[in-house]
PDB file of N, CA and C in Angstrom:
ATOM      1  N   UNK A   1      41.515 128.570  27.388  1.00  0.00           N
ATOM      2  CA  UNK A   1      41.636 129.252  28.700  1.00  0.00           C
ATOM      3  C   UNK A   1      41.388 130.764  28.528  1.00  0.00           C
ATOM      4  N   UNK A   2      40.682 131.308  29.445  1.00  0.00           N
ATOM      5  CA  UNK A   2      40.435 132.748  29.384  1.00  0.00           C
ATOM      6  C   UNK A   2      41.753 133.445  29.560  1.00  0.00           C
ATOM      7  N   UNK A   3      41.650 134.839  29.380  1.00  0.00           N
ATOM      8  CA  UNK A   3      42.872 135.574  29.557  1.00  0.00           C
ATOM      9  C   UNK A   3      43.247 135.712  31.035  1.00  0.00           C
ATOM     10  N   UNK A   4      44.501 135.453  31.318  1.00  0.00           N
ATOM     11  CA  UNK A   4      44.921 135.558  32.794  1.00  0.00           C
ATOM     12  C   UNK A   4      46.285 136.331  32.902  1.00  0.00           C
ATOM     13  N   UNK A   5      46.270 137.504  32.253  1.00  0.00           N
ATOM     14  CA  UNK A   5      47.465 138.387  32.300  1.00  0.00           C
ATOM     15  C   UNK A   5      47.310 139.272  33.579  1.00  0.00           C
ATOM     16  N   UNK A   6      48.429 139.642  34.113  1.00  0.00           N
ATOM     17  CA  UNK A   6      48.394 140.643  35.186  1.00  0.00           C
ATOM     18  C   UNK A   6      49.178 141.954  34.661  1.00  0.00           C
ATOM     19  N   UNK A   7      48.884 143.002  35.400  1.00  0.00           N
ATOM     20  CA  UNK A   7      49.566 144.291  35.069  1.00  0.00           C
ATOM     21  C   UNK A   7      49.880 144.994  36.421  1.00  0.00           C
ATOM     22  N   UNK A   8      51.235 145.445  36.474  1.00  0.00           N
ATOM     23  CA  UNK A   8      51.723 146.145  37.611  1.00  0.00           C
ATOM     24  C   UNK A   8      52.104 147.513  37.082  1.00  0.00           C
ATOM     25  N   UNK A   9      51.471 148.511  37.678  1.00  0.00           N
ATOM     26  CA  UNK A   9      51.737 149.959  37.324  1.00  0.00           C
ATOM     27  C   UNK A   9      52.856 150.467  38.054  1.00  0.00           C
ATOM     28  N   UNK A  10      53.703 151.213  37.287  1.00  0.00           N
ATOM     29  CA  UNK A  10      54.832 152.020  37.784  1.00  0.00           C
ATOM     30  C   UNK A  10      54.838 153.330  37.027  1.00  0.00           C
ATOM     31  N   UNK A  11      54.130 154.302  37.537  1.00  0.00           N
ATOM     32  CA  UNK A  11      53.903 155.641  36.869  1.00  0.00           C
ATOM     33  C   UNK A  11      53.105 155.356  35.584  1.00  0.00           C
ATOM     34  N   UNK A  12      53.643 155.633  34.396  1.00  0.00           N
ATOM     35  CA  UNK A  12      52.811 155.487  33.201  1.00  0.00           C
ATOM     36  C   UNK A  12      53.276 154.187  32.471  1.00  0.00           C
ATOM     37  N   UNK A  13      53.932 153.265  33.177  1.00  0.00           N
ATOM     38  CA  UNK A  13      54.344 152.058  32.554  1.00  0.00           C
ATOM     39  C   UNK A  13      53.664 150.877  33.220  1.00  0.00           C
ATOM     40  N   UNK A  14      53.200 149.895  32.487  1.00  0.00           N
ATOM     41  CA  UNK A  14      52.580 148.707  33.032  1.00  0.00           C
ATOM     42  C   UNK A  14      53.437 147.485  32.726  1.00  0.00           C
ATOM     43  N   UNK A  15      53.967 146.767  33.667  1.00  0.00           N
ATOM     44  CA  UNK A  15      54.671 145.508  33.426  1.00  0.00           C
ATOM     45  C   UNK A  15      53.594 144.376  33.345  1.00  0.00           C
ATOM     46  N   UNK A  16      53.678 143.622  32.322  1.00  0.00           N
ATOM     47  CA  UNK A  16      52.694 142.624  31.991  1.00  0.00           C
ATOM     48  C   UNK A  16      53.279 141.193  32.130  1.00  0.00           C
ATOM     49  N   UNK A  17      52.447 140.297  32.711  1.00  0.00           N
ATOM     50  CA  UNK A  17      52.863 138.854  32.746  1.00  0.00           C
ATOM     51  C   UNK A  17      51.662 137.982  32.833  1.00  0.00           C
ATOM     52  N   UNK A  18      51.783 136.709  33.063  1.00  0.00           N
ATOM     53  CA  UNK A  18      50.623 135.882  33.211  1.00  0.00           C
ATOM     54  C   UNK A  18      50.608 135.459  34.767  1.00  0.00           C
ATOM     55  N   UNK A  19      49.470 135.213  35.210  1.00  0.00           N
ATOM     56  CA  UNK A  19      49.288 134.841  36.696  1.00  0.00           C
ATOM     57  C   UNK A  19      49.869 133.526  37.045  1.00  0.00           C
ATOM     58  N   UNK A  20      50.141 133.387  38.364  1.00  0.00           N
ATOM     59  CA  UNK A  20      50.624 132.089  38.834  1.00  0.00           C
ATOM     60  C   UNK A  20      49.592 130.974  38.493  1.00  0.00           C
ATOM     61  N   UNK A  21      48.305 131.232  38.634  1.00  0.00           N
ATOM     62  CA  UNK A  21      47.262 130.320  38.265  1.00  0.00           C
ATOM     63  C   UNK A  21      47.391 129.837  36.840  1.00  0.00           C
ATOM     64  N   UNK A  22      47.602 130.817  35.921  1.00  0.00           N
ATOM     65  CA  UNK A  22      47.735 130.544  34.444  1.00  0.00           C
ATOM     66  C   UNK A  22      48.982 129.660  34.185  1.00  0.00           C
ATOM     67  N   UNK A  23      50.142 130.114  34.740  1.00  0.00           N
ATOM     68  CA  UNK A  23      51.294 129.292  34.445  1.00  0.00           C
ATOM     69  C   UNK A  23      51.171 127.824  34.999  1.00  0.00           C
ATOM     70  N   UNK A  24      50.436 127.688  36.142  1.00  0.00           N
ATOM     71  CA  UNK A  24      50.238 126.334  36.693  1.00  0.00           C
ATOM     72  C   UNK A  24      49.397 125.493  35.817  1.00  0.00           C
ATOM     73  N   UNK A  25      48.321 126.165  35.222  1.00  0.00           N
ATOM     74  CA  UNK A  25      47.449 125.415  34.230  1.00  0.00           C
ATOM     75  C   UNK A  25      48.085 125.135  33.000  1.00  0.00           C
ATOM     76  N   UNK A  26      49.049 126.029  32.488  1.00  0.00           N
ATOM     77  CA  UNK A  26      49.676 125.811  31.192  1.00  0.00           C
ATOM     78  C   UNK A  26      50.755 124.723  31.429  1.00  0.00           C
ATOM     79  N   UNK A  27      51.411 124.743  32.612  1.00  0.00           N
ATOM     80  CA  UNK A  27      52.503 123.794  33.044  1.00  0.00           C
ATOM     81  C   UNK A  27      53.835 124.137  32.290  1.00  0.00           C
ATOM     82  N   UNK A  28      54.491 123.193  31.821  1.00  0.00           N
ATOM     83  CA  UNK A  28      55.887 123.308  31.295  1.00  0.00           C
ATOM     84  C   UNK A  28      55.963 124.228  30.111  1.00  0.00           C
ATOM     85  N   UNK A  29      56.236 125.553  30.321  1.00  0.00           N
ATOM     86  CA  UNK A  29      56.394 126.509  29.258  1.00  0.00           C
ATOM     87  C   UNK A  29      57.712 126.310  28.500  1.00  0.00           C
ATOM     88  N   UNK A  30      57.628 126.169  27.177  1.00  0.00           N
ATOM     89  CA  UNK A  30      58.802 125.869  26.327  1.00  0.00           C
ATOM     90  C   UNK A  30      59.125 127.007  25.370  1.00  0.00           C
ATOM     91  N   UNK A  31      58.142 127.891  25.153  1.00  0.00           N
ATOM     92  CA  UNK A  31      58.379 128.893  24.198  1.00  0.00           C
ATOM     93  C   UNK A  31      57.441 130.073  24.407  1.00  0.00           C
ATOM     94  N   UNK A  32      57.953 131.321  24.343  1.00  0.00           N
ATOM     95  CA  UNK A  32      57.221 132.581  24.419  1.00  0.00           C
ATOM     96  C   UNK A  32      57.536 133.405  23.209  1.00  0.00           C
ATOM     97  N   UNK A  33      56.442 133.801  22.489  1.00  0.00           N
ATOM     98  CA  UNK A  33      56.625 134.721  21.334  1.00  0.00           C
ATOM     99  C   UNK A  33      56.081 136.098  21.852  1.00  0.00           C
ATOM    100  N   UNK A  34      56.949 137.082  21.764  1.00  0.00           N
ATOM    101  CA  UNK A  34      56.664 138.468  22.303  1.00  0.00           C
ATOM    102  C   UNK A  34      56.744 139.472  21.163  1.00  0.00           C
ATOM    103  N   UNK A  35      56.033 140.565  21.342  1.00  0.00           N
ATOM    104  CA  UNK A  35      56.204 141.690  20.203  1.00  0.00           C
ATOM    105  C   UNK A  35      57.517 142.414  20.245  1.00  0.00           C
ATOM    106  N   UNK A  36      57.707 143.111  19.154  1.00  0.00           N
ATOM    107  CA  UNK A  36      58.973 143.931  19.066  1.00  0.00           C
ATOM    108  C   UNK A  36      58.773 145.298  19.954  1.00  0.00           C
ATOM    109  N   UNK A  37      59.760 145.796  20.544  1.00  0.00           N
ATOM    110  CA  UNK A  37      59.797 147.102  21.130  1.00  0.00           C
ATOM    111  C   UNK A  37      59.321 148.134  20.137  1.00  0.00           C
ATOM    112  N   UNK A  38      58.467 148.977  20.477  1.00  0.00           N
ATOM    113  CA  UNK A  38      57.961 149.955  19.571  1.00  0.00           C
ATOM    114  C   UNK A  38      56.574 149.583  18.978  1.00  0.00           C
ATOM    115  N   UNK A  39      56.142 148.400  19.116  1.00  0.00           N
ATOM    116  CA  UNK A  39      54.833 148.049  18.645  1.00  0.00           C
ATOM    117  C   UNK A  39      53.790 148.670  19.606  1.00  0.00           C
ATOM    118  N   UNK A  40      52.634 149.026  18.911  1.00  0.00           N
ATOM    119  CA  UNK A  40      51.563 149.488  19.686  1.00  0.00           C
ATOM    120  C   UNK A  40      50.509 148.471  19.917  1.00  0.00           C
ATOM    121  N   UNK A  41      49.966 148.321  21.100  1.00  0.00           N
ATOM    122  CA  UNK A  41      48.967 147.252  21.383  1.00  0.00           C
ATOM    123  C   UNK A  41      47.749 148.045  21.935  1.00  0.00           C
ATOM    124  N   UNK A  42      46.618 147.269  21.749  1.00  0.00           N
ATOM    125  CA  UNK A  42      45.396 147.786  22.133  1.00  0.00           C
ATOM    126  C   UNK A  42      44.835 146.854  23.260  1.00  0.00           C
ATOM    127  N   UNK A  43      44.192 147.440  24.247  1.00  0.00           N
ATOM    128  CA  UNK A  43      43.584 146.600  25.343  1.00  0.00           C
ATOM    129  C   UNK A  43      42.763 145.382  24.769  1.00  0.00           C
ATOM    130  N   UNK A  44      42.957 144.248  25.317  1.00  0.00           N
ATOM    131  CA  UNK A  44      42.152 143.048  24.952  1.00  0.00           C
ATOM    132  C   UNK A  44      42.435 142.493  23.571  1.00  0.00           C
ATOM    133  N   UNK A  45      43.630 143.010  22.961  1.00  0.00           N
ATOM    134  CA  UNK A  45      44.044 142.360  21.757  1.00  0.00           C
ATOM    135  C   UNK A  45      45.232 141.579  21.936  1.00  0.00           C
ATOM    136  N   UNK A  46      45.455 140.573  21.033  1.00  0.00           N
ATOM    137  CA  UNK A  46      46.628 139.652  21.115  1.00  0.00           C
ATOM    138  C   UNK A  46      47.954 140.366  20.955  1.00  0.00           C
ATOM    139  N   UNK A  47      48.881 140.042  21.812  1.00  0.00           N
ATOM    140  CA  UNK A  47      50.267 140.623  21.609  1.00  0.00           C
ATOM    141  C   UNK A  47      51.332 139.494  21.542  1.00  0.00           C
ATOM    142  N   UNK A  48      50.965 138.244  21.779  1.00  0.00           N
ATOM    143  CA  UNK A  48      51.913 137.278  21.614  1.00  0.00           C
ATOM    144  C   UNK A  48      51.346 135.843  21.925  1.00  0.00           C
ATOM    145  N   UNK A  49      52.211 134.900  22.065  1.00  0.00           N
ATOM    146  CA  UNK A  49      51.848 133.474  22.260  1.00  0.00           C
ATOM    147  C   UNK A  49      52.804 132.889  23.233  1.00  0.00           C
ATOM    148  N   UNK A  50      52.208 131.965  24.079  1.00  0.00           N
ATOM    149  CA  UNK A  50      53.006 131.255  24.973  1.00  0.00           C
ATOM    150  C   UNK A  50      52.671 129.748  24.768  1.00  0.00           C
ATOM    151  N   UNK A  51      53.657 128.900  24.703  1.00  0.00           N
ATOM    152  CA  UNK A  51      53.583 127.528  24.428  1.00  0.00           C
ATOM    153  C   UNK A  51      54.047 126.607  25.511  1.00  0.00           C
ATOM    154  N   UNK A  52      53.274 125.547  25.696  1.00  0.00           N
ATOM    155  CA  UNK A  52      53.705 124.549  26.697  1.00  0.00           C
ATOM    156  C   UNK A  52      53.985 123.244  25.847  1.00  0.00           C
ATOM    157  N   UNK A  53      54.298 122.259  26.528  1.00  0.00           N
ATOM    158  CA  UNK A  53      54.604 120.961  25.790  1.00  0.00           C
ATOM    159  C   UNK A  53      53.330 120.446  25.305  1.00  0.00           C
ATOM    160  N   UNK A  54      52.171 120.843  25.706  1.00  0.00           N
ATOM    161  CA  UNK A  54      50.816 120.394  25.344  1.00  0.00           C
ATOM    162  C   UNK A  54      49.982 121.283  24.406  1.00  0.00           C
ATOM    163  N   UNK A  55      50.187 122.605  24.548  1.00  0.00           N
ATOM    164  CA  UNK A  55      49.294 123.491  23.758  1.00  0.00           C
ATOM    165  C   UNK A  55      49.921 124.884  23.683  1.00  0.00           C
ATOM    166  N   UNK A  56      49.328 125.712  22.807  1.00  0.00           N
ATOM    167  CA  UNK A  56      49.662 127.138  22.681  1.00  0.00           C
ATOM    168  C   UNK A  56      48.518 128.011  23.169  1.00  0.00           C
ATOM    169  N   UNK A  57      48.829 129.172  23.670  1.00  0.00           N
ATOM    170  CA  UNK A  57      47.807 130.104  24.150  1.00  0.00           C
ATOM    171  C   UNK A  57      48.179 131.464  23.785  1.00  0.00           C
ATOM    172  N   UNK A  58      47.146 132.250  23.330  1.00  0.00           N
ATOM    173  CA  UNK A  58      47.385 133.612  22.977  1.00  0.00           C
ATOM    174  C   UNK A  58      47.509 134.492  24.246  1.00  0.00           C
ATOM    175  N   UNK A  59      48.337 135.550  24.088  1.00  0.00           N
ATOM    176  CA  UNK A  59      48.520 136.506  25.201  1.00  0.00           C
ATOM    177  C   UNK A  59      47.817 137.752  24.830  1.00  0.00           C
ATOM    178  N   UNK A  60      47.022 138.391  25.727  1.00  0.00           N
ATOM    179  CA  UNK A  60      46.229 139.574  25.452  1.00  0.00           C
ATOM    180  C   UNK A  60      46.730 140.717  26.305  1.00  0.00           C
ATOM    181  N   UNK A  61      46.720 141.899  25.689  1.00  0.00           N
ATOM    182  CA  UNK A  61      47.127 143.117  26.447  1.00  0.00           C
ATOM    183  C   UNK A  61      46.103 143.606  27.347  1.00  0.00           C
ATOM    184  N   UNK A  62      46.433 143.722  28.655  1.00  0.00           N
ATOM    185  CA  UNK A  62      45.469 144.312  29.618  1.00  0.00           C
ATOM    186  C   UNK A  62      45.308 145.803  29.487  1.00  0.00           C
ATOM    187  N   UNK A  63      46.178 146.479  28.758  1.00  0.00           N
ATOM    188  CA  UNK A  63      46.123 147.915  28.654  1.00  0.00           C
ATOM    189  C   UNK A  63      46.606 148.241  27.181  1.00  0.00           C
ATOM    190  N   UNK A  64      46.306 149.427  26.759  1.00  0.00           N
ATOM    191  CA  UNK A  64      46.771 149.944  25.432  1.00  0.00           C
ATOM    192  C   UNK A  64      48.026 150.744  25.659  1.00  0.00           C
ATOM    193  N   UNK A  65      48.808 150.744  24.551  1.00  0.00           N
ATOM    194  CA  UNK A  65      50.054 151.582  24.576  1.00  0.00           C
ATOM    195  C   UNK A  65      51.159 151.051  23.721  1.00  0.00           C
ATOM    196  N   UNK A  66      52.336 151.642  23.921  1.00  0.00           N
ATOM    197  CA  UNK A  66      53.505 151.165  23.217  1.00  0.00           C
ATOM    198  C   UNK A  66      54.356 150.242  24.097  1.00  0.00           C
ATOM    199  N   UNK A  67      54.747 149.121  23.407  1.00  0.00           N
ATOM    200  CA  UNK A  67      55.720 148.183  24.077  1.00  0.00           C
ATOM    201  C   UNK A  67      57.058 148.911  24.108  1.00  0.00           C
ATOM    202  N   UNK A  68      57.593 149.103  25.316  1.00  0.00           N
ATOM    203  CA  UNK A  68      58.886 149.711  25.588  1.00  0.00           C
ATOM    204  C   UNK A  68      59.931 148.721  26.013  1.00  0.00           C
ATOM    205  N   UNK A  69      59.560 147.563  26.385  1.00  0.00           N
ATOM    206  CA  UNK A  69      60.493 146.497  26.821  1.00  0.00           C
ATOM    207  C   UNK A  69      59.937 145.188  26.636  1.00  0.00           C
ATOM    208  N   UNK A  70      60.771 144.148  26.332  1.00  0.00           N
ATOM    209  CA  UNK A  70      60.355 142.745  26.269  1.00  0.00           C
ATOM    210  C   UNK A  70      61.307 141.979  27.155  1.00  0.00           C
ATOM    211  N   UNK A  71      60.946 140.936  27.724  1.00  0.00           N
ATOM    212  CA  UNK A  71      61.804 140.108  28.648  1.00  0.00           C
ATOM    213  C   UNK A  71      62.626 139.180  27.731  1.00  0.00           C
ATOM    214  N   UNK A  72      63.740 139.663  27.215  1.00  0.00           N
ATOM    215  CA  UNK A  72      64.600 138.833  26.284  1.00  0.00           C
ATOM    216  C   UNK A  72      65.069 137.554  26.986  1.00  0.00           C
ATOM    217  N   UNK A  73      65.160 137.455  28.328  1.00  0.00           N
ATOM    218  CA  UNK A  73      65.607 136.380  28.955  1.00  0.00           C
ATOM    219  C   UNK A  73      64.730 135.146  28.632  1.00  0.00           C
ATOM    220  N   UNK A  74      63.451 135.356  28.322  1.00  0.00           N
ATOM    221  CA  UNK A  74      62.553 134.259  28.041  1.00  0.00           C
ATOM    222  C   UNK A  74      62.754 133.555  26.737  1.00  0.00           C
ATOM    223  N   UNK A  75      63.530 134.236  25.828  1.00  0.00           N
ATOM    224  CA  UNK A  75      63.821 133.541  24.562  1.00  0.00           C
ATOM    225  C   UNK A  75      64.660 132.253  24.842  1.00  0.00           C
ATOM    226  N   UNK A  76      65.634 132.308  25.670  1.00  0.00           N
ATOM    227  CA  UNK A  76      66.403 131.203  25.982  1.00  0.00           C
ATOM    228  C   UNK A  76      66.002 130.361  27.285  1.00  0.00           C
ATOM    229  N   UNK A  77      65.167 131.031  28.065  1.00  0.00           N
ATOM    230  CA  UNK A  77      64.766 130.424  29.368  1.00  0.00           C
ATOM    231  C   UNK A  77      63.294 130.698  29.592  1.00  0.00           C
ATOM    232  N   UNK A  78      62.382 130.215  28.838  1.00  0.00           N
ATOM    233  CA  UNK A  78      60.971 130.465  29.017  1.00  0.00           C
ATOM    234  C   UNK A  78      60.365 129.955  30.326  1.00  0.00           C
ATOM    235  N   UNK A  79      61.087 128.896  30.911  1.00  0.00           N
ATOM    236  CA  UNK A  79      60.660 128.319  32.206  1.00  0.00           C
ATOM    237  C   UNK A  79      60.558 129.350  33.247  1.00  0.00           C
ATOM    238  N   UNK A  80      61.227 130.523  33.112  1.00  0.00           N
ATOM    239  CA  UNK A  80      61.079 131.546  34.201  1.00  0.00           C
ATOM    240  C   UNK A  80      59.678 132.018  34.422  1.00  0.00           C
ATOM    241  N   UNK A  81      58.836 131.882  33.389  1.00  0.00           N
ATOM    242  CA  UNK A  81      57.390 132.186  33.565  1.00  0.00           C
ATOM    243  C   UNK A  81      56.813 131.223  34.534  1.00  0.00           C
ATOM    244  N   UNK A  82      57.177 129.929  34.482  1.00  0.00           N
ATOM    245  CA  UNK A  82      56.725 128.951  35.493  1.00  0.00           C
ATOM    246  C   UNK A  82      57.339 129.196  36.895  1.00  0.00           C
ATOM    247  N   UNK A  83      58.602 129.505  36.934  1.00  0.00           N
ATOM    248  CA  UNK A  83      59.303 129.558  38.206  1.00  0.00           C
ATOM    249  C   UNK A  83      58.953 130.874  38.968  1.00  0.00           C
ATOM    250  N   UNK A  84      58.901 131.925  38.202  1.00  0.00           N
ATOM    251  CA  UNK A  84      58.667 133.337  38.789  1.00  0.00           C
ATOM    252  C   UNK A  84      57.786 134.147  38.009  1.00  0.00           C
ATOM    253  N   UNK A  85      56.526 133.866  37.934  1.00  0.00           N
ATOM    254  CA  UNK A  85      55.547 134.601  36.962  1.00  0.00           C
ATOM    255  C   UNK A  85      55.393 136.091  37.349  1.00  0.00           C
ATOM    256  N   UNK A  86      55.636 136.498  38.560  1.00  0.00           N
ATOM    257  CA  UNK A  86      55.506 137.907  38.962  1.00  0.00           C
ATOM    258  C   UNK A  86      56.837 138.687  39.040  1.00  0.00           C
ATOM    259  N   UNK A  87      57.950 137.949  38.940  1.00  0.00           N
ATOM    260  CA  UNK A  87      59.222 138.644  38.948  1.00  0.00           C
ATOM    261  C   UNK A  87      60.015 138.441  37.699  1.00  0.00           C
ATOM    262  N   UNK A  88      60.815 137.391  37.674  1.00  0.00           N
ATOM    263  CA  UNK A  88      61.640 137.136  36.458  1.00  0.00           C
ATOM    264  C   UNK A  88      60.884 136.749  35.294  1.00  0.00           C
ATOM    265  N   UNK A  89      59.675 136.294  35.410  1.00  0.00           N
ATOM    266  CA  UNK A  89      58.881 135.804  34.286  1.00  0.00           C
ATOM    267  C   UNK A  89      57.947 136.812  33.646  1.00  0.00           C
ATOM    268  N   UNK A  90      58.146 138.040  33.912  1.00  0.00           N
ATOM    269  CA  UNK A  90      57.348 139.139  33.333  1.00  0.00           C
ATOM    270  C   UNK A  90      57.585 139.011  31.845  1.00  0.00           C
ATOM    271  N   UNK A  91      56.576 139.449  31.027  1.00  0.00           N
ATOM    272  CA  UNK A  91      56.655 139.392  29.657  1.00  0.00           C
ATOM    273  C   UNK A  91      57.063 140.690  28.872  1.00  0.00           C
ATOM    274  N   UNK A  92      56.215 141.723  29.062  1.00  0.00           N
ATOM    275  CA  UNK A  92      56.471 143.022  28.355  1.00  0.00           C
ATOM    276  C   UNK A  92      56.244 144.131  29.306  1.00  0.00           C
ATOM    277  N   UNK A  93      56.754 145.351  28.841  1.00  0.00           N
ATOM    278  CA  UNK A  93      56.366 146.583  29.570  1.00  0.00           C
ATOM    279  C   UNK A  93      55.722 147.516  28.505  1.00  0.00           C
ATOM    280  N   UNK A  94      54.621 148.113  28.876  1.00  0.00           N
ATOM    281  CA  UNK A  94      53.920 149.035  27.983  1.00  0.00           C
ATOM    282  C   UNK A  94      53.793 150.426  28.648  1.00  0.00           C
ATOM    283  N   UNK A  95      54.170 151.364  27.782  1.00  0.00           N
ATOM    284  CA  UNK A  95      53.884 152.792  28.237  1.00  0.00           C
ATOM    285  C   UNK A  95      52.480 152.989  27.827  1.00  0.00           C
ATOM    286  N   UNK A  96      51.640 153.172  28.903  1.00  0.00           N
ATOM    287  CA  UNK A  96      50.169 153.218  28.708  1.00  0.00           C
ATOM    288  C   UNK A  96      49.702 154.475  28.019  1.00  0.00           C
ATOM    289  N   UNK A  97      48.791 154.291  27.039  1.00  0.00           N
ATOM    290  CA  UNK A  97      48.153 155.409  26.321  1.00  0.00           C
ATOM    291  C   UNK A  97      46.967 155.842  27.169  1.00  0.00           C
ATOM    292  N   UNK A  98      46.363 154.975  27.954  1.00  0.00           N
ATOM    293  CA  UNK A  98      45.136 155.332  28.674  1.00  0.00           C
ATOM    294  C   UNK A  98      45.237 154.638  30.089  1.00  0.00           C
ATOM    295  N   UNK A  99      46.012 155.143  31.036  1.00  0.00           N
ATOM    296  CA  UNK A  99      46.128 154.529  32.341  1.00  0.00           C
ATOM    297  C   UNK A  99      44.777 154.198  33.033  1.00  0.00           C
ATOM    298  N   UNK A 100      43.701 154.943  32.707  1.00  0.00           N
ATOM    299  CA  UNK A 100      42.459 154.584  33.279  1.00  0.00           C
ATOM    300  C   UNK A 100      41.915 153.262  32.884  1.00  0.00           C
ATOM    301  N   UNK A 101      42.524 152.620  31.836  1.00  0.00           N
ATOM    302  CA  UNK A 101      42.092 151.252  31.481  1.00  0.00           C
ATOM    303  C   UNK A 101      42.390 150.308  32.588  1.00  0.00           C
ATOM    304  N   UNK A 102      43.286 150.638  33.498  1.00  0.00           N
ATOM    305  CA  UNK A 102      43.570 149.693  34.595  1.00  0.00           C
ATOM    306  C   UNK A 102      42.437 149.514  35.432  1.00  0.00           C
ATOM    307  N   UNK A 103      41.567 150.523  35.532  1.00  0.00           N
ATOM    308  CA  UNK A 103      40.316 150.480  36.380  1.00  0.00           C
ATOM    309  C   UNK A 103      39.378 149.399  35.929  1.00  0.00           C
ATOM    310  N   UNK A 104      39.475 148.857  34.744  1.00  0.00           N
ATOM    311  CA  UNK A 104      38.617 147.858  34.182  1.00  0.00           C
ATOM    312  C   UNK A 104      39.040 146.480  34.515  1.00  0.00           C
ATOM    313  N   UNK A 105      40.297 146.385  35.103  1.00  0.00           N
ATOM    314  CA  UNK A 105      40.861 145.066  35.384  1.00  0.00           C
ATOM    315  C   UNK A 105      40.455 144.594  36.777  1.00  0.00           C
ATOM    316  N   UNK A 106      40.400 143.255  36.985  1.00  0.00           N
ATOM    317  CA  UNK A 106      40.135 142.692  38.314  1.00  0.00           C
ATOM    318  C   UNK A 106      41.336 143.050  39.191  1.00  0.00           C
ATOM    319  N   UNK A 107      40.989 143.377  40.501  1.00  0.00           N
ATOM    320  CA  UNK A 107      42.057 143.370  41.560  1.00  0.00           C
ATOM    321  C   UNK A 107      42.404 141.935  41.961  1.00  0.00           C
ATOM    322  N   UNK A 108      43.270 141.720  42.793  1.00  0.00           N
ATOM    323  CA  UNK A 108      43.747 140.374  43.240  1.00  0.00           C
ATOM    324  C   UNK A 108      42.600 139.614  43.882  1.00  0.00           C
ATOM    325  N   UNK A 109      41.850 140.174  44.716  1.00  0.00           N
ATOM    326  CA  UNK A 109      40.768 139.436  45.388  1.00  0.00           C
ATOM    327  C   UNK A 109      39.697 139.075  44.386  1.00  0.00           C
ATOM    328  N   UNK A 110      39.324 140.010  43.563  1.00  0.00           N
ATOM    329  CA  UNK A 110      38.321 139.640  42.558  1.00  0.00           C
ATOM    330  C   UNK A 110      38.770 138.589  41.572  1.00  0.00           C
ATOM    331  N   UNK A 111      40.041 138.584  41.230  1.00  0.00           N
ATOM    332  CA  UNK A 111      40.608 137.609  40.357  1.00  0.00           C
ATOM    333  C   UNK A 111      40.579 136.178  41.013  1.00  0.00           C
ATOM    334  N   UNK A 112      40.947 136.151  42.297  1.00  0.00           N
ATOM    335  CA  UNK A 112      40.845 134.924  43.095  1.00  0.00           C
ATOM    336  C   UNK A 112      39.337 134.362  43.050  1.00  0.00           C
ATOM    337  N   UNK A 113      38.454 135.239  43.315  1.00  0.00           N
ATOM    338  CA  UNK A 113      37.072 134.759  43.255  1.00  0.00           C
ATOM    339  C   UNK A 113      36.689 134.293  41.867  1.00  0.00           C
ATOM    340  N   UNK A 114      37.168 134.937  40.864  1.00  0.00           N
ATOM    341  CA  UNK A 114      36.909 134.582  39.453  1.00  0.00           C
ATOM    342  C   UNK A 114      37.428 133.116  39.094  1.00  0.00           C
ATOM    343  N   UNK A 115      38.677 132.924  39.513  1.00  0.00           N
ATOM    344  CA  UNK A 115      39.184 131.585  39.269  1.00  0.00           C
ATOM    345  C   UNK A 115      38.497 130.513  40.139  1.00  0.00           C
ATOM    346  N   UNK A 116      38.038 130.893  41.312  1.00  0.00           N
ATOM    347  CA  UNK A 116      37.331 129.934  42.166  1.00  0.00           C
ATOM    348  C   UNK A 116      35.973 129.566  41.416  1.00  0.00           C
ATOM    349  N   UNK A 117      35.371 130.517  40.789  1.00  0.00           N
ATOM    350  CA  UNK A 117      34.088 130.280  40.067  1.00  0.00           C
ATOM    351  C   UNK A 117      34.341 129.487  38.839  1.00  0.00           C
ATOM    352  N   UNK A 118      35.538 129.596  38.234  1.00  0.00           N
ATOM    353  CA  UNK A 118      35.883 128.831  37.076  1.00  0.00           C
ATOM    354  C   UNK A 118      35.952 127.325  37.366  1.00  0.00           C
ATOM    355  N   UNK A 119      36.531 127.058  38.563  1.00  0.00           N
ATOM    356  CA  UNK A 119      36.694 125.682  39.004  1.00  0.00           C
ATOM    357  C   UNK A 119      35.542 125.140  39.634  1.00  0.00           C
TER     358      UNK A 119
END
């Protein structure tokens, strides 16, 4: 599966998760491996793993920067990624080193067109 992470900007912080489409494709999420707070990530590089009952998928950073928060709730309740991928199921928060990187990401309409083309 291609990378299907989303990023929501709040000043110089990006909250990162996977899209509703991705969670539906992955299905029953049973485990999420996330980085430590303080880790530095680079755009388009792996920062973690998400596992379902059927397979494991790498997670990729949509922006570069320092991980300032991880969603600890997912350790005991990874199903929140399936239930609420844009709210309770967020993965990490990154203090962006280069907020301009957001400009290289697809907006919601372009993403919908992209997944329509995939199918």
